[in-house]
Protein backbone atom coordinates (compact mmCIF):
# COMPACT_ATOMS: atom_id res chain seq x y z
CA UNK A 1 43.56 -46.72 -48.38
CA UNK A 2 43.29 -42.83 -48.06
CA UNK A 3 39.64 -43.01 -49.11
CA UNK A 4 39.12 -45.34 -46.18
CA UNK A 5 40.43 -42.92 -43.96
CA UNK A 6 38.88 -40.05 -45.26
CA UNK A 7 35.44 -42.10 -44.99
CA UNK A 8 35.98 -43.47 -41.38
CA UNK A 9 36.80 -39.96 -40.13
CA UNK A 10 33.41 -38.46 -41.95
CA UNK A 11 31.16 -41.25 -40.36
CA UNK A 12 32.54 -40.65 -36.85
CA UNK A 13 32.05 -36.70 -37.27
CA UNK A 14 28.42 -37.81 -38.11
CA UNK A 15 27.68 -40.14 -35.21
CA UNK A 16 29.93 -38.20 -32.92
CA UNK A 17 28.54 -35.05 -32.45
CA UNK A 18 30.01 -34.16 -28.78
CA UNK A 19 33.63 -34.92 -30.55
CA UNK A 20 32.09 -32.35 -33.24
CA UNK A 21 31.42 -29.91 -30.50
CA UNK A 22 34.50 -30.35 -28.33
CA UNK A 23 36.50 -29.78 -31.72
CA UNK A 24 34.57 -26.48 -32.75
CA UNK A 25 35.24 -25.57 -28.91
CA UNK A 26 38.57 -25.89 -29.57
CA UNK A 27 39.25 -24.03 -32.48
CA UNK A 28 37.08 -21.24 -31.00
CA UNK A 29 39.53 -20.74 -27.93
CA UNK A 30 42.18 -20.42 -30.20
CA UNK A 31 40.06 -17.49 -32.04
CA UNK A 32 39.21 -14.20 -30.86
CA UNK A 33 36.79 -14.69 -27.77
CA UNK A 34 33.26 -13.59 -28.24
CA UNK A 35 31.69 -11.30 -25.69
CA UNK A 36 27.75 -11.92 -23.83
CA UNK A 37 27.00 -8.45 -22.09
CA UNK A 38 23.69 -9.25 -20.22
CA UNK A 39 21.99 -5.75 -18.50
CA UNK A 40 19.86 -5.63 -16.29
CA UNK A 41 17.03 -2.84 -15.45
CA UNK A 42 17.19 -1.46 -11.91
CA UNK A 43 19.13 -4.54 -10.54
CA UNK A 44 20.50 -3.80 -7.27
CA UNK A 45 22.87 -6.49 -5.98
CA UNK A 46 20.44 -8.31 -4.19
CA UNK A 47 21.85 -11.27 -5.29
CA UNK A 48 22.92 -14.68 -3.19
CA UNK A 49 26.13 -14.29 -4.14
CA UNK A 50 26.03 -10.81 -3.10
CA UNK A 51 25.12 -12.65 0.46
CA UNK A 52 21.37 -11.49 0.28
CA UNK A 53 19.39 -14.26 1.99
CA UNK A 54 16.17 -13.51 0.46
CA UNK A 55 16.90 -13.40 -2.70
CA UNK A 56 16.58 -16.60 -4.98
CA UNK A 57 19.09 -16.17 -8.18
CA UNK A 58 20.63 -19.70 -8.46
CA UNK A 59 21.63 -19.02 -12.15
CA UNK A 60 23.62 -15.35 -11.03
CA UNK A 61 25.21 -17.30 -8.34
CA UNK A 62 26.89 -20.01 -10.54
CA UNK A 63 27.75 -17.37 -12.81
CA UNK A 64 29.48 -15.71 -9.93
CA UNK A 65 31.14 -18.96 -9.44
CA UNK A 66 32.63 -19.11 -12.51
CA UNK A 67 33.90 -15.51 -12.88
CA UNK A 68 34.65 -12.62 -10.41
CA UNK A 69 32.33 -10.71 -8.64
CA UNK A 70 32.78 -7.06 -8.05
CA UNK A 71 31.63 -5.73 -4.21
CA UNK A 72 32.25 -2.18 -5.14
CA UNK A 73 31.07 -1.18 -8.57
CA UNK A 74 29.15 2.00 -9.06
CA UNK A 75 27.04 3.22 -11.92
CA UNK A 76 27.81 6.88 -13.11
CA UNK A 77 24.14 7.77 -12.84
CA UNK A 78 21.01 5.90 -11.04
CA UNK A 79 18.82 6.69 -14.07
CA UNK A 80 18.51 4.38 -17.33
CA UNK A 81 19.77 6.56 -19.89
CA UNK A 82 22.50 8.23 -18.83
CA UNK A 83 23.95 5.00 -17.16
CA UNK A 84 23.71 3.04 -20.25
CA UNK A 85 25.20 6.03 -22.27
CA UNK A 86 27.93 5.41 -19.84
CA UNK A 87 28.00 1.63 -20.61
CA UNK A 88 27.61 1.94 -24.02
CA UNK A 89 29.85 5.14 -24.85
CA UNK A 90 32.18 4.92 -22.22
CA UNK A 91 31.36 8.69 -21.80
CA UNK A 92 29.82 10.07 -17.98
CA UNK A 93 26.72 12.16 -17.69
CA UNK A 94 28.89 14.98 -17.28
CA UNK A 95 31.20 14.46 -19.87
CA UNK A 96 28.40 14.46 -22.23
CA UNK A 97 25.71 17.12 -20.85
CA UNK A 98 23.13 14.91 -20.56
CA UNK A 99 21.39 13.84 -17.29
CA UNK A 100 17.70 12.94 -18.69
CA UNK A 101 16.20 10.25 -20.37
CA UNK A 102 14.95 12.26 -23.67
CA UNK A 103 18.27 13.23 -25.28
CA UNK A 104 19.91 10.68 -27.42
CA UNK A 105 23.92 10.79 -26.96
CA UNK A 106 24.62 11.66 -30.51
CA UNK A 107 23.13 14.95 -29.78
CA UNK A 108 26.53 15.95 -28.07
CA UNK A 109 28.69 13.54 -29.01
CA UNK A 110 27.92 12.47 -33.26
CA UNK A 111 30.96 10.51 -33.44
CA UNK A 112 31.20 8.49 -30.33
CA UNK A 113 32.15 4.91 -31.13
CA UNK A 114 29.87 2.57 -29.31
CA UNK A 115 30.80 -0.32 -27.86
CA UNK A 116 29.27 -2.25 -30.39
CA UNK A 117 30.93 -0.42 -33.30
CA UNK A 118 34.34 -0.58 -31.76
CA UNK A 119 33.94 -4.61 -31.76
CA UNK A 120 32.63 -4.64 -35.36
CA UNK A 121 35.52 -2.71 -36.60
CA UNK A 122 37.68 -6.03 -35.41
CA UNK A 123 35.17 -8.29 -37.77
CA UNK A 124 32.46 -8.72 -34.90
CA UNK A 125 28.98 -9.27 -35.42
CA UNK A 126 27.34 -7.04 -33.07
CA UNK A 127 23.36 -8.20 -32.03
CA UNK A 128 21.07 -6.09 -29.57
CA UNK A 129 18.13 -7.42 -27.91
CA UNK A 130 15.96 -6.22 -25.31
CA UNK A 131 16.85 -2.93 -23.37
CA UNK A 132 20.61 -1.78 -24.10
CA UNK A 133 19.57 1.81 -24.68
CA UNK A 134 17.30 3.52 -23.27
CA UNK A 135 14.26 3.55 -25.90
CA UNK A 136 11.09 5.73 -24.77
CA UNK A 137 10.93 9.48 -23.43
CA UNK A 138 11.42 10.72 -27.07
CA UNK A 139 14.80 8.36 -27.20
CA UNK A 140 15.59 5.80 -29.27
CA UNK A 141 18.14 2.85 -30.20
CA UNK A 142 21.52 3.35 -32.32
CA UNK A 143 21.69 1.78 -35.32
CA UNK A 144 24.97 1.83 -36.00
CA UNK A 145 25.70 -0.50 -33.00
CA UNK A 146 24.04 -3.39 -34.43
CA UNK A 147 25.00 -5.30 -37.39
CA UNK A 148 21.86 -6.44 -37.67
CA UNK A 149 18.30 -4.54 -36.29
CA UNK A 150 18.50 -4.78 -32.50
CA UNK A 151 15.26 -6.95 -31.02
CA UNK A 152 12.89 -5.88 -28.75
CA UNK A 153 10.02 -7.80 -27.36
CA UNK A 154 5.80 -7.10 -27.88
CA UNK A 155 3.43 -7.59 -25.51
CA UNK A 156 1.71 -6.59 -22.78
CA UNK A 157 3.05 -5.46 -19.02
CA UNK A 158 0.33 -7.25 -17.69
CA UNK A 159 -1.24 -10.54 -17.55
CA UNK A 160 -4.74 -9.68 -15.22
CA UNK A 161 -7.43 -7.72 -16.48
CA UNK A 162 -7.75 -5.74 -12.96
CA UNK A 163 -3.97 -4.35 -12.99
CA UNK A 164 -4.79 -2.35 -15.70
CA UNK A 165 -8.38 -1.09 -14.56
CA UNK A 166 -8.76 2.25 -13.65
CA UNK A 167 -5.01 3.17 -14.90
CA UNK A 168 -3.56 6.39 -13.81
CA UNK A 169 -2.94 8.82 -16.47
CA UNK A 170 0.92 9.88 -16.42
CA UNK A 171 3.07 12.41 -18.86
CA UNK A 172 3.92 8.58 -19.98
CA UNK A 173 0.81 6.75 -20.90
CA UNK A 174 -1.60 4.72 -18.49
CA UNK A 175 0.16 3.41 -15.43
CA UNK A 176 -1.87 0.32 -14.32
CA UNK A 177 -0.94 -1.72 -11.14
CA UNK A 178 2.58 -1.63 -9.27
CA UNK A 179 3.07 -5.26 -8.64
CA UNK A 180 1.60 -8.28 -10.47
CA UNK A 181 1.39 -12.22 -9.97
CA UNK A 182 -0.11 -14.07 -12.53
CA UNK A 183 -0.17 -17.88 -13.34
CA UNK A 184 1.48 -17.82 -16.79
CA UNK A 185 4.27 -18.94 -18.49
CA UNK A 186 7.56 -16.94 -18.45
CA UNK A 187 7.17 -16.11 -22.02
CA UNK A 188 4.14 -13.99 -21.40
CA UNK A 189 6.01 -11.31 -19.65
CA UNK A 190 8.81 -9.68 -22.49
CA UNK A 191 12.04 -11.07 -20.34
CA UNK A 192 10.92 -14.48 -21.56
CA UNK A 193 10.35 -13.63 -24.80
CA UNK A 194 14.10 -11.91 -24.97
CA UNK A 195 15.79 -15.10 -23.16
CA UNK A 196 13.81 -17.04 -26.05
CA UNK A 197 15.59 -14.89 -28.96
CA UNK A 198 18.95 -14.98 -26.98
CA UNK A 199 19.10 -18.87 -27.14
CA UNK A 200 18.17 -18.67 -30.76
CA UNK A 201 20.64 -16.46 -31.64
CA UNK A 202 23.33 -18.24 -29.77
CA UNK A 203 22.09 -21.11 -31.45
CA UNK A 204 22.48 -19.36 -35.11
CA UNK A 205 25.93 -18.40 -33.66
CA UNK A 206 27.41 -21.92 -32.78
CA UNK A 207 26.82 -22.79 -36.56
CA UNK A 208 29.40 -19.96 -37.64
CA UNK A 209 32.25 -20.77 -35.49
CA UNK A 210 34.63 -18.31 -37.60
CA UNK A 211 32.17 -15.15 -36.81
CA UNK A 212 33.23 -13.54 -33.54
CA UNK A 213 30.03 -12.10 -31.99
CA UNK A 214 29.33 -9.06 -29.87
CA UNK A 215 25.69 -10.25 -28.36
CA UNK A 216 24.13 -7.17 -25.82
CA UNK A 217 21.03 -8.71 -24.29
CA UNK A 218 18.77 -6.66 -21.84
CA UNK A 219 16.53 -7.86 -19.29
CA UNK A 220 13.46 -5.50 -18.45
CA UNK A 221 12.87 -6.80 -14.63
CA UNK A 222 13.06 -6.00 -11.88
CA UNK A 223 12.17 -2.74 -12.94
CA UNK A 224 8.52 -1.33 -12.41
CA UNK A 225 5.94 -2.89 -12.46
CA UNK A 226 7.13 -5.90 -10.67
CA UNK A 227 5.31 -8.16 -12.83
CA UNK A 228 6.84 -11.61 -12.96
CA UNK A 229 4.99 -15.43 -13.13
CA UNK A 230 3.29 -16.35 -9.43
CA UNK A 231 5.93 -19.13 -9.18
CA UNK A 232 8.40 -16.79 -8.78
CA UNK A 233 6.63 -14.72 -6.38
CA UNK A 234 6.36 -18.30 -4.30
CA UNK A 235 9.86 -18.59 -4.26
CA UNK A 236 10.08 -15.51 -1.75
CA UNK A 237 9.00 -16.37 2.01
CA UNK A 238 7.37 -12.86 2.69
CA UNK A 239 7.79 -13.16 6.56
CA UNK A 240 11.28 -13.04 6.00
CA UNK A 241 10.93 -9.63 4.24
CA UNK A 242 12.17 -6.79 6.40
CA UNK A 243 11.51 -2.94 5.74
CA UNK A 244 14.09 -0.88 5.81
CA UNK A 245 15.35 0.14 9.32
CA UNK A 246 15.81 4.20 8.31
CA UNK A 247 13.19 5.92 6.85
CA UNK A 248 13.95 9.51 6.83
CA UNK A 249 16.43 11.54 4.76
CA UNK A 250 19.78 11.66 6.26
CA UNK A 251 20.30 14.14 8.46
CA UNK A 252 21.82 17.60 7.23
CA UNK A 253 21.59 16.85 3.90
CA UNK A 254 20.36 19.46 1.74
CA UNK A 255 16.37 19.67 1.43
CA UNK A 256 16.41 18.60 -2.81
CA UNK A 257 18.80 15.96 -2.35
CA UNK A 258 16.41 12.93 -1.70
CA UNK A 259 13.72 11.63 -3.74
CA UNK A 260 10.12 11.11 -2.94
CA UNK A 261 9.54 8.24 -5.35
CA UNK A 262 7.79 9.88 -7.92
CA UNK A 263 8.32 6.67 -10.58
CA UNK A 264 6.64 4.54 -8.27
CA UNK A 265 3.77 6.60 -7.11
CA UNK A 266 2.30 6.73 -10.67
CA UNK A 267 1.26 3.51 -10.42
CA UNK A 268 -2.60 3.42 -10.23
CA UNK A 269 -2.46 1.58 -6.85
CA UNK A 270 0.22 3.63 -5.21
CA UNK A 271 -0.49 6.58 -3.20
CA UNK A 272 0.13 9.94 -4.74
CA UNK A 273 2.27 11.21 -1.98
CA UNK A 274 2.43 10.69 2.40
CA UNK A 275 3.57 7.64 3.45
CA UNK A 276 3.23 3.87 2.03
CA UNK A 277 1.29 1.83 4.64
CA UNK A 278 3.48 -1.34 5.80
CA UNK A 279 1.87 -3.90 3.67
CA UNK A 280 1.97 -1.91 0.88
CA UNK A 281 5.76 -1.43 1.44
CA UNK A 282 6.65 -5.49 2.15
CA UNK A 283 4.20 -6.58 -1.11
CA UNK A 284 6.44 -3.84 -3.18
CA UNK A 285 9.77 -5.72 -2.07
CA UNK A 286 8.19 -9.08 -2.27
CA UNK A 287 7.79 -7.77 -5.98
CA UNK A 288 10.93 -6.55 -6.79
CA UNK A 289 12.39 -10.31 -5.25
CA UNK A 290 10.28 -11.97 -7.49
CA UNK A 291 10.73 -10.17 -10.51
CA UNK A 292 14.73 -10.37 -9.82
CA UNK A 293 14.14 -14.67 -9.23
CA UNK A 294 11.95 -13.95 -12.83
CA UNK A 295 14.93 -12.42 -14.35
CA UNK A 296 17.60 -14.98 -13.29
CA UNK A 297 15.40 -18.10 -14.52
CA UNK A 298 15.70 -16.19 -18.19
CA UNK A 299 19.46 -15.27 -18.04
CA UNK A 300 19.92 -19.44 -16.86
CA UNK A 301 18.32 -20.44 -20.24
CA UNK A 302 20.92 -18.10 -21.99
CA UNK A 303 23.65 -19.48 -20.24
CA UNK A 304 22.36 -22.92 -20.43
CA UNK A 305 22.18 -22.50 -24.42
CA UNK A 306 26.35 -20.91 -24.06
CA UNK A 307 27.23 -23.73 -22.74
CA UNK A 308 25.29 -26.61 -24.69
CA UNK A 309 26.31 -25.23 -28.18
CA UNK A 310 29.89 -25.11 -26.59
CA UNK A 311 30.54 -21.77 -26.70
CA UNK A 312 30.98 -21.32 -22.86
CA UNK A 313 34.66 -21.55 -23.19
CA UNK A 314 34.94 -18.95 -25.86
CA UNK A 315 33.25 -16.14 -24.54
CA UNK A 316 33.60 -13.50 -21.97
CA UNK A 317 30.32 -13.46 -20.32
CA UNK A 318 29.35 -9.47 -18.03
CA UNK A 319 26.59 -9.27 -16.17
CA UNK A 320 25.67 -5.45 -14.89
CA UNK A 321 22.76 -3.61 -13.16
CA UNK A 322 22.60 -0.33 -14.84
CA UNK A 323 21.79 0.90 -11.37
CA UNK A 324 20.70 0.25 -8.42
CA UNK A 325 17.38 1.06 -6.27
CA UNK A 326 15.92 2.35 -3.18
CA UNK A 327 13.39 0.11 -1.39
CA UNK A 328 12.26 2.37 1.32
CA UNK A 329 15.22 3.18 2.92
CA UNK A 330 15.33 7.18 4.02
CA UNK A 331 11.90 6.88 3.17
CA UNK A 332 12.56 6.78 -1.02
CA UNK A 333 11.72 4.40 -3.49
CA UNK A 334 13.00 3.94 -7.06
CA UNK A 335 16.62 5.19 -7.80
CA UNK A 336 17.53 8.82 -8.81
CA UNK A 337 19.46 9.66 -6.15
CA UNK A 338 23.51 9.69 -5.36
CA UNK A 339 22.74 7.60 -2.34
CA UNK A 340 24.54 3.95 -2.03
CA UNK A 341 21.47 2.24 -2.39
CA UNK A 342 21.13 3.99 -6.12
CA UNK A 343 24.65 3.86 -6.74
CA UNK A 344 25.83 0.46 -6.12
CA UNK A 345 25.40 -1.74 -8.86
CA UNK A 346 26.07 -5.68 -9.09
CA UNK A 347 28.87 -6.42 -11.73
CA UNK A 348 29.95 -10.47 -12.46
CA UNK A 349 32.47 -11.21 -15.03
CA UNK A 350 33.41 -14.56 -16.32
CA UNK A 351 36.38 -14.77 -19.05
CA UNK A 352 38.13 -17.99 -20.42
CA UNK A 353 40.97 -17.85 -18.66
CA UNK A 354 40.77 -15.88 -15.87
CA UNK A 355 40.05 -16.46 -12.19
CA UNK A 356 36.90 -18.09 -11.13
CA UNK A 357 34.81 -18.00 -8.09
CA UNK A 358 36.50 -15.10 -6.43
CA UNK A 359 35.46 -11.42 -5.45
CA UNK A 360 36.68 -8.00 -5.40
CA UNK A 361 36.74 -4.86 -3.61
CA UNK A 362 38.44 -2.85 -6.30
CA UNK A 363 35.78 0.33 -6.87
CA UNK A 364 34.92 0.54 -10.59
CA UNK A 365 32.76 2.02 -12.48
CA UNK A 366 30.39 1.63 -15.67
CA UNK A 367 32.44 3.12 -17.87
CA UNK A 368 35.25 0.88 -17.30
CA UNK A 369 33.52 -1.84 -18.68
CA UNK A 370 33.67 -0.83 -22.35
CA UNK A 371 37.63 -0.64 -22.78
CA UNK A 372 37.78 -4.37 -19.85
CA UNK A 373 35.98 -6.01 -22.53
CA UNK A 374 38.36 -4.41 -25.25
CA UNK A 375 41.54 -5.85 -23.34
CA UNK A 376 39.84 -8.91 -22.80
CA UNK A 377 38.93 -9.81 -26.24
CA UNK A 378 42.44 -8.80 -27.05
CA UNK A 379 41.01 -5.65 -28.85
CA UNK A 380 43.60 -1.81 -28.92
CA UNK A 381 42.89 0.10 -26.44
CA UNK A 382 40.08 2.47 -27.32
CA UNK A 383 40.45 6.11 -27.06
CA UNK A 384 38.69 9.44 -26.33
CA UNK A 385 36.54 7.32 -23.55
CA UNK A 386 36.31 8.10 -20.29
CA UNK A 387 36.81 4.42 -18.80
CA UNK A 388 39.85 3.05 -17.61
CA UNK A 389 40.53 -0.95 -18.29
CA UNK A 390 40.14 -2.79 -14.82
CA UNK A 391 40.92 -6.10 -16.95
CA UNK A 392 43.96 -6.94 -14.60
CA UNK A 393 41.88 -7.68 -12.07
CA UNK A 394 40.68 -10.75 -13.33
CA UNK A 395 44.04 -11.95 -12.68
CA UNK A 396 44.46 -10.76 -9.58
CA UNK A 397 41.67 -9.60 -7.45
CA UNK A 398 43.54 -7.62 -4.94
CA UNK A 399 44.52 -5.26 -7.76
CA UNK A 400 43.07 -1.73 -7.05
CA UNK A 401 41.90 -0.31 -10.68
CA UNK A 402 40.86 2.75 -9.27
CA UNK A 403 41.14 5.25 -5.73
CA UNK A 404 37.82 6.27 -6.23
CA UNK A 405 34.74 6.50 -8.17
CA UNK A 406 32.38 9.29 -9.65
CA UNK A 407 29.04 9.45 -10.26
CA UNK A 408 26.34 12.30 -10.55
CA UNK A 409 22.67 13.57 -10.04
CA UNK A 410 20.71 16.72 -11.15
CA UNK A 411 18.51 18.36 -9.05
CA UNK A 412 16.45 21.90 -9.28
CA UNK A 413 17.77 24.08 -6.23
CA UNK A 414 15.29 26.70 -5.07
CA UNK A 415 16.10 30.08 -5.98
CA UNK A 416 19.13 28.63 -8.28
CA UNK A 417 17.70 26.29 -10.88
CA UNK A 418 19.47 22.98 -11.98
CA UNK A 419 22.45 21.97 -9.89
CA UNK A 420 24.61 18.94 -10.37
CA UNK A 421 25.45 16.88 -7.81
CA UNK A 422 28.63 15.25 -8.33
CA UNK A 423 29.69 12.35 -5.98
CA UNK A 424 32.97 10.73 -5.13
CA UNK A 425 33.47 7.50 -3.42
CA UNK A 426 36.53 6.10 -1.90
CA UNK A 427 36.70 2.97 0.35
CA UNK A 428 35.12 4.70 3.18
CA UNK A 429 33.45 7.98 2.25
CA UNK A 430 31.11 9.76 0.11
CA UNK A 431 31.16 13.30 -0.65
CA UNK A 432 28.76 15.03 -2.85
CA UNK A 433 29.26 18.47 -4.08
CA UNK A 434 26.09 20.38 -5.08
CA UNK A 435 26.17 23.40 -7.15
CA UNK A 436 25.80 24.89 -11.01
CA UNK A 437 27.97 23.81 -13.78
CA UNK A 438 30.34 26.60 -13.71
CA UNK A 439 29.51 28.09 -10.76
CA UNK A 440 32.28 29.06 -7.99
CA UNK A 441 32.89 26.44 -5.11
CA UNK A 442 31.67 28.64 -2.83
CA UNK A 443 28.23 28.26 -4.36
CA UNK A 444 28.33 24.49 -3.50
CA UNK A 445 26.67 22.83 -0.72
CA UNK A 446 28.57 19.49 0.28
CA UNK A 447 27.05 16.12 1.59
CA UNK A 448 29.38 13.84 3.26
CA UNK A 449 29.21 10.11 4.76
CA UNK A 450 31.45 7.74 6.70
CA UNK A 451 30.19 3.94 5.88
CA UNK A 452 32.60 2.52 8.28
CA UNK A 453 30.64 3.84 11.32
CA UNK A 454 27.17 5.27 9.73
CA UNK A 455 26.51 2.88 6.68
CA UNK A 456 23.10 3.52 6.84
CA UNK A 457 23.46 7.57 5.64
CA UNK A 458 22.05 8.52 8.84
CA UNK A 459 23.82 12.04 9.01
CA UNK A 460 25.69 14.36 6.58
CA UNK A 461 28.87 15.09 7.87
CA UNK A 462 30.47 17.70 5.68
CA UNK A 463 30.05 20.40 8.50
CA UNK A 464 31.83 18.24 11.00
CA UNK A 465 34.78 16.53 9.30
CA UNK A 466 36.09 19.43 7.55
CA UNK A 467 39.52 17.75 7.13
CA UNK A 468 37.56 14.91 5.23
CA UNK A 469 36.04 16.75 3.22
CA UNK A 470 39.02 18.65 1.84
CA UNK A 471 40.74 15.62 1.21
CA UNK A 472 38.15 14.02 -0.54
CA UNK A 473 37.43 17.13 -2.44
CA UNK A 474 41.10 16.23 -3.80
CA UNK A 475 39.57 13.68 -5.98
CA UNK A 476 36.65 16.28 -7.17
CA UNK A 477 39.81 18.18 -8.39
CA UNK A 478 40.89 15.64 -10.55
CA UNK A 479 37.67 15.50 -13.01
CA UNK A 480 37.07 18.40 -15.62
CA UNK A 481 33.87 20.70 -14.29
CA UNK A 482 30.13 18.98 -15.06
CA UNK A 483 28.54 20.30 -18.48
CA UNK A 484 25.26 21.82 -18.09
CA UNK A 485 22.14 19.27 -19.32
CA UNK A 486 22.12 19.83 -22.94
CA UNK A 487 19.15 21.71 -25.01
CA UNK A 488 17.98 21.72 -28.49
CA UNK A 489 18.76 25.01 -29.89
CA UNK A 490 15.77 24.74 -31.95
CA UNK A 491 13.23 24.01 -29.27
CA UNK A 492 14.30 27.30 -27.31
CA UNK A 493 14.38 29.26 -30.33
CA UNK A 494 10.90 27.95 -31.31
CA UNK A 495 9.47 29.13 -27.86
CA UNK A 496 11.38 32.43 -27.61
CA UNK A 497 9.82 33.33 -30.75
CA UNK A 498 6.03 33.06 -30.00
CA UNK A 499 4.59 32.57 -26.50
CA UNK A 500 1.83 34.61 -26.85
CA UNK A 501 -0.53 32.45 -28.36
CA UNK A 502 -0.15 30.15 -25.04
CA UNK A 503 -2.80 30.13 -22.82
CA UNK A 504 -1.94 31.58 -19.45
CA UNK A 505 -2.27 29.48 -16.40
CA UNK A 506 -5.04 30.33 -13.86
CA UNK A 507 -2.96 29.95 -10.59
CA UNK A 508 -5.75 31.00 -8.61
CA UNK A 509 -8.08 28.48 -9.93
CA UNK A 510 -5.18 25.93 -9.23
CA UNK A 511 -4.97 27.02 -5.85
CA UNK A 512 -8.60 26.54 -5.10
CA UNK A 513 -8.15 22.79 -6.51
CA UNK A 514 -5.67 21.66 -4.21
CA UNK A 515 -6.70 23.17 -1.30
CA UNK A 516 -8.71 20.52 -0.04
CA UNK A 517 -9.57 21.53 3.40
CA UNK A 518 -10.40 25.33 2.71
CA UNK A 519 -8.04 26.71 4.86
CA UNK A 520 -6.04 29.04 2.60
CA UNK A 521 -2.57 27.15 2.60
CA UNK A 522 -1.51 24.61 0.76
CA UNK A 523 0.54 21.92 2.35
CA UNK A 524 3.23 19.75 0.80
CA UNK A 525 0.71 17.01 0.27
CA UNK A 526 -2.03 19.23 -1.41
CA UNK A 527 0.47 20.89 -3.10
CA UNK A 528 1.91 17.53 -4.86
CA UNK A 529 -1.95 16.62 -5.91
CA UNK A 530 -1.76 16.20 -9.62
CA UNK A 531 1.78 17.28 -10.23
CA UNK A 532 2.88 16.17 -13.87
CA UNK A 533 6.80 15.63 -12.84
CA UNK A 534 6.46 14.30 -9.24
CA UNK A 535 10.28 14.08 -9.18
CA UNK A 536 11.21 17.42 -9.46
CA UNK A 537 7.68 19.15 -8.07
CA UNK A 538 9.14 19.15 -4.04
CA UNK A 539 11.93 21.55 -5.30
CA UNK A 540 9.70 23.59 -6.45
CA UNK A 541 7.62 23.50 -2.95
CA UNK A 542 10.60 24.48 -1.01
CA UNK A 543 11.18 27.38 -3.63
CA UNK A 544 8.03 29.08 -3.67
CA UNK A 545 7.50 28.62 0.25
CA UNK A 546 9.29 32.05 0.83
CA UNK A 547 8.92 32.05 4.74
CA UNK A 548 9.92 28.78 5.33
CA UNK A 549 6.79 27.63 7.56
CA UNK A 550 6.11 24.63 5.71
CA UNK A 551 2.84 25.68 3.75
CA UNK A 552 1.99 27.67 0.66
CA UNK A 553 0.03 30.76 1.29
CA UNK A 554 -2.03 31.79 -1.75
CA UNK A 555 0.29 34.76 -2.84
CA UNK A 556 3.44 32.42 -2.72
CA UNK A 557 2.02 29.78 -4.88
CA UNK A 558 0.36 32.32 -7.01
CA UNK A 559 3.49 34.91 -7.54
CA UNK A 560 6.25 31.93 -7.67
CA UNK A 561 4.86 29.93 -10.18
CA UNK A 562 4.41 32.88 -12.51
């Protein structure tokens, strides 16, 4: 009789895979929670679930319905590598002293325990695919974070030959077109390959129910270039595209605080300087939304496999954008600022047993995600980090995790050198303090914006609302002084050891090449021609312009550049 019962049980198991999956799911719910961390490059909150009527993002909208949407989530610096360091290390850029793309976080924090390493300590298999850490510009992955080597897709950025014809040279290699609409399958571009790999990894994970996993999947779009299969361009109605309402920098802001879209202007079909015509602006916005729709479809494939494999009931899912993006507002494109459009990010979290289909106005930072995931997974609170868990918000969305957030961006200020803009944002205001790390407060320049009365940041109110300025400074006083950008001592020693062999620049000849109309002076547009660092060059123009007349004389150009 016992043998018969066993035989019947085995037969039912074999012919009822759905029942088997259900039983595996029940066992997982009682076991450790898995983590699926979805990272998206350059994604601002232009999603249907955030109220954007132009966006076509049904999969992320569906994820929002299964979890909590964070209305006021902010990155810690609006550029890829520092933002991702903040996510994976829970260390702010000003704590690390790393604000650039090139410096690996272990240069200043060799013993940092990354998010992946922390989960490994508790028996998790950690896997990364796509863009998690910033790889490029001399930077690299972090092998210690992963149980197995991370996956990066191979292939071209472009499908059409015309997209690469006449590519423009840049310090980071040739740049083709800023956008492309090609009739190709999803898997042609990198995000399609990343989704396919993630689906395969989830299928394997479902076959090992006793092995908890931490899986990080990093999608590349909508980062430039805005390339996506044509069907995603067709989803967006171009007649509904609206251009930015404000196209000039905030009145009264420091001249170095804005940026001029140098990343975008490196692409072959973009003007190197000056205005971008309205038709091109519309195409760029169209391309950004199309690329976001393409990414959304790839996320959908991953979430569908999570559900199909029975893993969804035991898996914490996070959708995080590394920073925002300027789409012509203030006349700016790309990220690289402390303003709202660059600093605010999308954040969605769906966790077993937590609230669904709700939103919260709690202020949170990227560094807070690390300790939050640890708490949601039932792990001990990590130590030696900057972040603060907001796990309680997933049970009570009205709870407030912070009374303010902080983020930073560096700039080169005329006559000063590199300054760090430390920005604190509460429910209503943003204060930005610009000064050299370690310098006295008397040397600082300030920006203050009131989002209740001026959501477009049209005017710097620091000089007018001194009482508010003083109150916001109290938030800033709670934080340690920012560290300066780390510099390689070996490189500095080598540079100081022998500079005599370097050829001297002929700045008179450089002036002649730039003086297109031969009037004996350089306008800002002429000065910007051929600059290898278009993000920083505008601040040099301001510094070189000694008499502040808006143009550079030959003497100003030659003498200031020595």
